[in-house]
Amino acid sequence: MERAWQPEALQNRRLEQLRATMDDYIEKNIGQIEENLPVFFGHVAATLDRSFPDLDDRTYDDFIDETGFALLNAKRDPPTPEFLEKVLRHAVGNKREQKGRATLEVMVALRLIDIGVYYQALEYLSRHRNHDVRINAAMAYCYYALSLAKNQSPGPRPDDMELQAREEMLTLARVRPPLSRLGPLDRKESRLNSIFWYMLDLAFAWFPSEPEFYRIGISWTKHVGDAERRQQLLDRATEHFPNDRYFLAEAFNTSVDMRNGSGAASIVKQMMQQFPDDHEPLYYGMKLAILGGKPRSYARFRKLAILKEFPRHLLLLLDTVLEVMCNHRTESLLCFEEVKKTFTARGYYLTALEYILRDFVEGDEERAKRARSTFFSSVDQYCMQTLKIRT
């Protein structure tokens, strides 16, 4: 009999419950499980196949990885090399895509780090160097921990192990590995994440003139949605690198996200002083005025934009957005008619915008509200793309 379809949210909830049940079973029966790993992993795979026959391969394999990690953490005694390899072999053997040991081997390395076996942890981590930015940081952490173990009172110069740690962090800054390729280890409370931040803080002190470490940290905070740490990094970055356009743009966008109008305005003022001939700060000024519903402020920036030869069709589009955000329905239609006269290409985009605008003008209050937000977001992305402003 065909199983009834279930919403994804319900399936995820059931997976979480199974995960909790499995972790509890492992914690209470680790001795028995160790004696017969093939049977245990076979049971896990069979349970997944029976309970979630339509589970996608990535989620299925992540569950197997998490099970292996739970086994490693539940073992009371320091794991032997043989035990580690057995867990890896049986876990990989029960994954649907029986390849890619990176996540499992990093999990093994984290267990070894926790018990202070840094050289063996490095063996596992080095196999996947540059696969994920946090792997490089974990390697640097191992070298630094070895340095601290060797030198209880650090001298005026770093020893060979600390130099290795610094070199690994410089490699991280130079290569910029991907941010997140380790599935189950992306969780905020992951030990790998705490190691990453620990080493990044050291890198700020070791290499104060290297902005790349701040870029990496800011990118990660955006990936995980850590607005508070993102703001802290931006405050430090804009102080150390006041002429760096990337940090100023990120500071502006962060201020907008956090509804800090005065902070965003100060960034616009700073950018206009440092980049007086660029369109980017003018666009940010008009955008901020639109979001704040301030026509007078918008008009001041618009006059400056005309003097700096800002693209006319973008100005007309922004005029329309201002009227939309101020909830002026008739005026927004009139502005959009002027927009259509200036566009010689991208007719399909104007057609889509006009549909959205009609929803704003003719729809009920709820529909108009959604259309207003969509119209603003669409034009914002189009302007950013046209002006080649990086996001």
Protein backbone atom coordinates (compact mmCIF):
# COMPACT_ATOMS: atom_id res chain seq x y z
CA MET A 1 0.00 0.00 0.00
CA GLU A 2 1.41 3.41 -0.95
CA ARG A 3 2.40 5.58 2.01
CA ALA A 4 0.59 8.89 2.43
CA TRP A 5 2.56 12.01 1.62
CA GLN A 6 3.74 14.05 4.61
CA PRO A 7 4.67 17.73 4.76
CA GLU A 8 8.40 18.39 5.01
CA ALA A 9 8.02 20.10 8.39
CA LEU A 10 6.34 16.98 9.83
CA GLN A 11 9.02 14.74 8.37
CA ASN A 12 11.77 16.91 9.87
CA ARG A 13 10.07 16.74 13.25
CA ARG A 14 9.93 12.95 13.08
CA LEU A 15 13.59 12.88 12.08
CA GLU A 16 14.49 14.99 15.11
CA GLN A 17 12.58 12.60 17.34
CA LEU A 18 14.38 9.62 15.81
CA ARG A 19 17.70 11.40 16.27
CA ALA A 20 16.98 12.00 19.95
CA THR A 21 15.88 8.36 20.44
CA MET A 22 18.98 7.08 18.67
CA ASP A 23 21.33 9.29 20.69
CA ASP A 24 19.74 8.14 23.93
CA TYR A 25 20.09 4.49 22.89
CA ILE A 26 23.75 5.00 21.99
CA GLU A 27 24.47 6.70 25.32
CA LYS A 28 22.94 3.83 27.31
CA ASN A 29 24.26 0.93 25.21
CA ILE A 30 27.64 2.07 23.92
CA GLY A 31 29.41 -1.07 25.21
CA GLN A 32 27.15 -3.47 23.34
CA ILE A 33 27.21 -1.35 20.20
CA GLU A 34 31.02 -1.31 20.13
CA GLU A 35 31.07 -5.10 20.11
CA ASN A 36 28.95 -5.32 16.96
CA LEU A 37 29.16 -2.16 14.88
CA PRO A 38 28.02 -3.78 11.59
CA VAL A 39 24.72 -4.90 13.14
CA PHE A 40 24.15 -1.49 14.75
CA PHE A 41 24.71 0.52 11.57
CA GLY A 42 22.59 -1.98 9.64
CA HIS A 43 19.80 -1.38 12.15
CA VAL A 44 20.12 2.42 11.72
CA ALA A 45 19.95 2.13 7.92
CA ALA A 46 16.98 -0.24 8.07
CA THR A 47 15.12 2.10 10.42
CA LEU A 48 15.65 5.03 8.06
CA ASP A 49 14.56 3.00 5.03
CA ARG A 50 11.44 1.78 6.79
CA SER A 51 10.42 5.06 8.47
CA PHE A 52 11.47 7.50 5.73
CA PRO A 53 11.40 5.70 2.37
CA ASP A 54 11.30 9.00 0.44
CA LEU A 55 14.15 10.69 2.33
CA ASP A 56 16.62 12.48 0.03
CA ASP A 57 20.18 11.16 -0.12
CA ARG A 58 21.78 14.19 1.54
CA THR A 59 19.52 14.07 4.61
CA TYR A 60 19.86 10.28 4.82
CA ASP A 61 23.65 10.44 4.76
CA ASP A 62 23.73 13.33 7.25
CA PHE A 63 21.78 11.16 9.69
CA ILE A 64 24.36 8.39 9.31
CA ASP A 65 27.17 10.92 9.88
CA GLU A 66 25.47 12.22 13.03
CA THR A 67 25.09 8.66 14.29
CA GLY A 68 28.81 8.07 13.85
CA PHE A 69 29.58 11.28 15.73
CA ALA A 70 27.24 10.27 18.56
CA LEU A 71 29.11 6.98 18.85
CA LEU A 72 32.46 8.73 19.07
CA ASN A 73 31.24 11.13 21.76
CA ALA A 74 29.55 8.40 23.81
CA LYS A 75 32.71 6.30 24.13
CA ARG A 76 34.16 6.83 27.58
CA ASP A 77 37.72 5.64 26.97
CA PRO A 78 40.07 7.31 24.46
CA PRO A 79 39.24 5.73 21.09
CA THR A 80 41.87 3.50 19.52
CA PRO A 81 42.88 3.96 15.87
CA GLU A 82 41.21 0.63 15.11
CA PHE A 83 37.90 1.73 16.64
CA LEU A 84 37.95 5.03 14.76
CA GLU A 85 38.53 3.27 11.46
CA LYS A 86 35.81 0.72 12.17
CA VAL A 87 33.27 3.48 12.84
CA LEU A 88 34.30 5.27 9.66
CA ARG A 89 34.18 2.11 7.56
CA HIS A 90 30.74 1.00 8.71
CA ALA A 91 29.25 4.49 8.61
CA VAL A 92 30.45 5.13 5.06
CA GLY A 93 29.32 1.65 4.03
CA ASN A 94 25.75 2.42 5.08
CA LYS A 95 25.47 5.78 3.36
CA ARG A 96 23.60 5.95 0.08
CA GLU A 97 26.42 7.85 -1.57
CA GLN A 98 29.27 5.69 -0.37
CA LYS A 99 31.93 8.31 -0.88
CA GLY A 100 33.11 11.51 0.68
CA ARG A 101 34.42 10.72 4.15
CA ALA A 102 35.11 14.40 4.87
CA THR A 103 32.36 15.04 7.43
CA LEU A 104 32.96 11.78 9.30
CA GLU A 105 36.73 12.22 9.34
CA VAL A 106 36.41 15.77 10.63
CA MET A 107 34.12 14.42 13.35
CA VAL A 108 36.79 11.88 14.24
CA ALA A 109 39.38 14.66 14.33
CA LEU A 110 37.19 16.69 16.70
CA ARG A 111 36.98 13.71 19.07
CA LEU A 112 40.76 13.40 18.96
CA ILE A 113 41.15 17.12 19.63
CA ASP A 114 38.90 16.81 22.68
CA ILE A 115 41.20 14.14 24.17
CA GLY A 116 44.38 16.01 23.17
CA VAL A 117 45.62 13.68 20.42
CA TYR A 118 46.54 16.51 18.05
CA TYR A 119 48.97 14.79 15.69
CA GLN A 120 46.43 12.08 14.83
CA ALA A 121 43.71 14.72 14.46
CA LEU A 122 45.94 16.52 11.97
CA GLU A 123 46.23 13.32 9.93
CA TYR A 124 42.47 13.24 9.43
CA LEU A 125 42.07 16.98 8.91
CA SER A 126 44.90 17.34 6.40
CA ARG A 127 43.13 14.93 4.02
CA HIS A 128 40.42 17.57 3.54
CA ARG A 129 42.39 20.79 3.73
CA ASN A 130 40.61 23.64 1.87
CA HIS A 131 37.39 21.59 1.67
CA ASP A 132 35.79 23.87 4.26
CA VAL A 133 37.17 27.04 5.86
CA ARG A 134 36.74 25.56 9.34
CA ILE A 135 38.98 22.57 8.54
CA ASN A 136 41.94 24.90 7.97
CA ALA A 137 41.11 26.65 11.24
CA ALA A 138 40.98 23.29 13.06
CA MET A 139 44.39 22.36 11.66
CA ALA A 140 45.78 25.69 12.87
CA TYR A 141 44.21 24.99 16.27
CA CYS A 142 46.03 21.64 16.52
CA TYR A 143 49.38 23.28 15.79
CA TYR A 144 48.68 26.05 18.29
CA ALA A 145 47.61 23.56 20.97
CA LEU A 146 50.84 21.62 20.43
CA SER A 147 52.76 24.86 20.84
CA LEU A 148 51.00 25.66 24.10
CA ALA A 149 51.61 22.14 25.43
CA LYS A 150 55.30 22.49 24.66
CA ASN A 151 55.71 26.04 25.98
CA GLN A 152 53.79 26.76 29.16
CA SER A 153 55.23 30.28 29.21
CA PRO A 154 55.53 31.56 25.61
CA GLY A 155 58.75 33.38 24.75
CA PRO A 156 59.18 36.57 22.75
CA ARG A 157 59.15 34.64 19.47
CA PRO A 158 56.68 31.96 18.32
CA ASP A 159 58.03 28.41 18.12
CA ASP A 160 57.77 26.14 15.07
CA MET A 161 54.31 24.84 15.99
CA GLU A 162 52.85 28.33 16.43
CA LEU A 163 54.45 29.39 13.15
CA GLN A 164 52.69 26.41 11.54
CA ALA A 165 49.41 27.58 13.05
CA ARG A 166 49.95 31.08 11.68
CA GLU A 167 50.88 29.73 8.26
CA GLU A 168 47.68 27.67 8.18
CA MET A 169 45.59 30.74 8.96
CA LEU A 170 47.36 32.68 6.21
CA THR A 171 46.53 29.82 3.82
CA LEU A 172 42.90 30.12 4.92
CA ALA A 173 42.95 33.86 4.11
CA ARG A 174 44.66 33.34 0.76
CA VAL A 175 42.63 30.37 -0.53
CA ARG A 176 39.23 31.31 1.01
CA PRO A 177 37.83 27.75 1.12
CA PRO A 178 34.04 27.28 0.98
CA LEU A 179 32.13 28.29 4.08
CA SER A 180 29.87 25.34 4.74
CA ARG A 181 30.35 21.86 3.33
CA LEU A 182 30.09 19.70 6.43
CA GLY A 183 26.32 19.29 6.92
CA PRO A 184 25.79 18.19 10.54
CA LEU A 185 28.72 20.34 11.74
CA ASP A 186 27.02 23.56 10.63
CA ARG A 187 25.05 23.77 13.87
CA LYS A 188 25.82 26.86 15.93
CA GLU A 189 26.88 24.86 19.00
CA SER A 190 29.27 22.67 16.99
CA ARG A 191 32.75 22.31 18.50
CA LEU A 192 34.15 22.98 15.04
CA ASN A 193 32.52 26.42 15.02
CA SER A 194 33.96 27.36 18.42
CA ILE A 195 37.43 26.35 17.20
CA PHE A 196 36.93 28.43 14.06
CA TRP A 197 36.10 31.56 16.06
CA TYR A 198 38.93 30.95 18.53
CA MET A 199 41.49 30.82 15.73
CA LEU A 200 39.95 33.75 13.88
CA ASP A 201 40.29 35.89 17.01
CA LEU A 202 43.96 34.86 17.21
CA ALA A 203 44.41 35.73 13.53
CA PHE A 204 43.08 39.25 14.18
CA ALA A 205 45.88 39.68 16.75
CA TRP A 206 48.57 37.93 14.69
CA PHE A 207 47.83 39.74 11.43
CA PRO A 208 46.20 43.11 12.30
CA SER A 209 46.78 44.49 8.79
CA GLU A 210 45.07 41.57 7.00
CA PRO A 211 41.43 42.44 6.20
CA GLU A 212 40.63 39.01 4.75
CA PHE A 213 40.06 37.49 8.19
CA TYR A 214 37.32 40.03 8.85
CA ARG A 215 35.75 39.27 5.48
CA ILE A 216 35.72 35.56 6.28
CA GLY A 217 34.19 36.16 9.70
CA ILE A 218 31.53 38.50 8.33
CA SER A 219 30.65 36.03 5.58
CA TRP A 220 30.19 33.29 8.17
CA THR A 221 27.97 35.45 10.39
CA LYS A 222 25.78 36.19 7.37
CA HIS A 223 25.62 32.47 6.56
CA VAL A 224 24.45 31.51 10.05
CA GLY A 225 22.43 34.66 10.75
CA ASP A 226 24.51 35.89 13.70
CA ALA A 227 23.66 39.60 13.50
CA GLU A 228 25.25 40.53 16.83
CA ARG A 229 28.69 39.09 16.02
CA ARG A 230 28.44 40.50 12.50
CA GLN A 231 27.97 43.99 13.93
CA GLN A 232 30.92 43.52 16.29
CA LEU A 233 33.20 42.46 13.43
CA LEU A 234 32.06 45.35 11.26
CA ASP A 235 32.71 47.86 14.03
CA ARG A 236 36.27 46.58 14.34
CA ALA A 237 36.80 46.26 10.60
CA THR A 238 35.62 49.77 9.75
CA GLU A 239 37.86 51.12 12.52
CA HIS A 240 40.95 49.26 11.25
CA PHE A 241 40.20 49.64 7.54
CA PRO A 242 38.18 52.87 7.18
CA ASN A 243 38.74 53.09 3.41
CA ASP A 244 37.68 49.54 2.59
CA ARG A 245 34.56 49.71 0.43
CA TYR A 246 33.49 46.14 1.29
CA PHE A 247 33.30 46.82 5.02
CA LEU A 248 31.50 50.13 4.54
CA ALA A 249 28.91 48.52 2.27
CA GLU A 250 28.42 45.65 4.73
CA ALA A 251 28.10 48.14 7.58
CA PHE A 252 25.41 50.03 5.66
CA ASN A 253 23.45 46.87 4.83
CA THR A 254 23.74 45.61 8.41
CA SER A 255 22.47 48.93 9.77
CA VAL A 256 19.52 48.75 7.36
CA ASP A 257 18.79 45.15 8.39
CA MET A 258 18.83 46.15 12.06
CA ARG A 259 16.70 49.27 11.36
CA ASN A 260 19.50 51.53 12.56
CA GLY A 261 18.79 54.57 10.37
CA SER A 262 21.33 56.88 12.02
CA GLY A 263 24.06 54.26 11.68
CA ALA A 264 23.26 53.75 7.99
CA ALA A 265 23.22 57.51 7.42
CA SER A 266 26.67 57.92 8.97
CA ILE A 267 28.04 55.21 6.68
CA VAL A 268 26.56 56.98 3.63
CA LYS A 269 28.19 60.24 4.75
CA GLN A 270 31.54 58.50 5.21
CA MET A 271 31.34 56.80 1.80
CA MET A 272 30.49 60.09 0.07
CA GLN A 273 33.55 61.70 1.61
CA GLN A 274 35.85 58.85 0.65
CA PHE A 275 34.34 58.05 -2.77
CA PRO A 276 32.91 61.40 -3.94
CA ASP A 277 32.66 60.41 -7.62
CA ASP A 278 31.06 57.00 -7.14
CA HIS A 279 27.40 56.16 -7.62
CA GLU A 280 27.30 53.59 -4.80
CA PRO A 281 26.99 56.01 -1.83
CA LEU A 282 24.44 58.08 -3.74
CA TYR A 283 22.36 54.98 -4.32
CA TYR A 284 22.60 54.05 -0.65
CA GLY A 285 21.50 57.55 0.30
CA MET A 286 18.43 57.38 -1.94
CA LYS A 287 17.65 53.86 -0.76
CA LEU A 288 17.82 54.93 2.88
CA ALA A 289 15.56 57.91 2.19
CA ILE A 290 13.05 55.64 0.45
CA LEU A 291 13.04 53.14 3.32
CA GLY A 292 12.57 55.96 5.80
CA GLY A 293 9.81 57.57 3.75
CA LYS A 294 11.71 60.90 3.56
CA PRO A 295 11.01 62.64 0.22
CA ARG A 296 13.11 65.71 1.09
CA SER A 297 16.19 63.65 1.87
CA TYR A 298 15.58 61.63 -1.30
CA ALA A 299 15.37 64.84 -3.37
CA ARG A 300 18.74 66.05 -2.03
CA PHE A 301 20.48 62.82 -2.99
CA ARG A 302 18.69 62.80 -6.34
CA LYS A 303 20.04 66.26 -7.21
CA LEU A 304 23.56 65.09 -6.40
CA ALA A 305 22.97 61.93 -8.46
CA ILE A 306 22.01 64.03 -11.51
CA LEU A 307 25.22 66.05 -11.14
CA LYS A 308 27.22 62.81 -10.99
CA GLU A 309 25.49 61.49 -14.14
CA PHE A 310 23.60 58.73 -12.38
CA PRO A 311 21.74 56.54 -14.92
CA ARG A 312 18.46 58.32 -15.72
CA HIS A 313 16.35 55.16 -16.04
CA LEU A 314 17.42 54.12 -12.54
CA LEU A 315 16.45 57.50 -11.13
CA LEU A 316 13.00 57.19 -12.67
CA LEU A 317 12.66 53.69 -11.27
CA LEU A 318 13.63 54.94 -7.83
CA ASP A 319 11.10 57.78 -8.14
CA THR A 320 8.46 55.11 -8.64
CA VAL A 321 9.71 53.11 -5.66
CA LEU A 322 9.54 56.18 -3.45
CA GLU A 323 5.90 56.75 -4.38
CA VAL A 324 5.13 53.07 -3.79
CA MET A 325 6.79 53.04 -0.37
CA CYS A 326 4.94 56.24 0.55
CA ASN A 327 1.73 54.44 -0.46
CA HIS A 328 0.94 56.95 -3.24
CA ARG A 329 -0.91 54.80 -5.76
CA THR A 330 -1.80 57.31 -8.47
CA GLU A 331 1.62 58.98 -8.35
CA SER A 332 3.42 55.64 -8.62
CA LEU A 333 1.58 54.84 -11.86
CA LEU A 334 2.50 58.22 -13.35
CA CYS A 335 6.16 57.73 -12.43
CA PHE A 336 6.15 54.27 -13.96
CA GLU A 337 4.86 55.66 -17.26
CA GLU A 338 8.02 57.79 -17.39
CA VAL A 339 10.11 54.71 -16.65
CA LYS A 340 8.65 52.89 -19.66
CA LYS A 341 9.68 55.77 -21.94
CA THR A 342 13.35 55.46 -20.97
CA PHE A 343 13.79 51.68 -21.16
CA THR A 344 14.94 50.51 -24.58
CA ALA A 345 15.56 46.92 -23.51
CA ARG A 346 14.51 44.47 -20.76
CA GLY A 347 10.86 44.71 -21.76
CA TYR A 348 10.14 41.47 -19.93
CA TYR A 349 11.40 42.99 -16.68
CA LEU A 350 9.19 46.06 -17.06
CA THR A 351 6.22 43.81 -17.76
CA ALA A 352 6.84 41.88 -14.54
CA LEU A 353 7.26 45.11 -12.59
CA GLU A 354 4.02 46.48 -14.00
CA TYR A 355 2.11 43.40 -12.84
CA ILE A 356 3.50 43.91 -9.33
CA LEU A 357 2.67 47.61 -9.45
CA ARG A 358 -0.92 46.83 -10.49
CA ASP A 359 -1.24 44.55 -7.47
CA PHE A 360 -0.11 47.46 -5.29
CA VAL A 361 -2.51 49.92 -6.92
CA GLU A 362 -5.59 47.72 -7.32
CA GLY A 363 -5.23 45.05 -4.64
CA ASP A 364 -6.65 44.96 -1.15
CA GLU A 365 -4.55 46.14 1.77
CA GLU A 366 -2.79 42.82 2.38
CA ARG A 367 -2.08 42.26 -1.30
CA ALA A 368 -0.84 45.84 -1.71
CA LYS A 369 1.50 45.39 1.24
CA ARG A 370 3.08 42.29 -0.30
CA ALA A 371 3.34 43.99 -3.69
CA ARG A 372 5.02 47.03 -2.13
CA SER A 373 7.70 44.86 -0.53
CA THR A 374 8.23 42.82 -3.71
CA PHE A 375 8.47 45.92 -5.89
CA PHE A 376 11.08 47.49 -3.64
CA SER A 377 13.17 44.30 -3.42
CA SER A 378 13.09 43.75 -7.18
CA VAL A 379 14.14 47.30 -8.08
CA ASP A 380 16.81 47.23 -5.36
CA GLN A 381 18.37 44.10 -6.84
CA TYR A 382 18.13 45.51 -10.36
CA CYS A 383 19.83 48.78 -9.37
CA MET A 384 22.57 46.96 -7.47
CA GLN A 385 23.21 44.75 -10.47
CA THR A 386 23.19 47.65 -12.94
CA LEU A 387 25.56 49.73 -10.79
CA LYS A 388 27.77 46.65 -10.21
CA ILE A 389 27.47 46.94 -6.45
CA ARG A 390 28.60 43.71 -4.85
CA THR A 391 26.34 42.06 -2.28
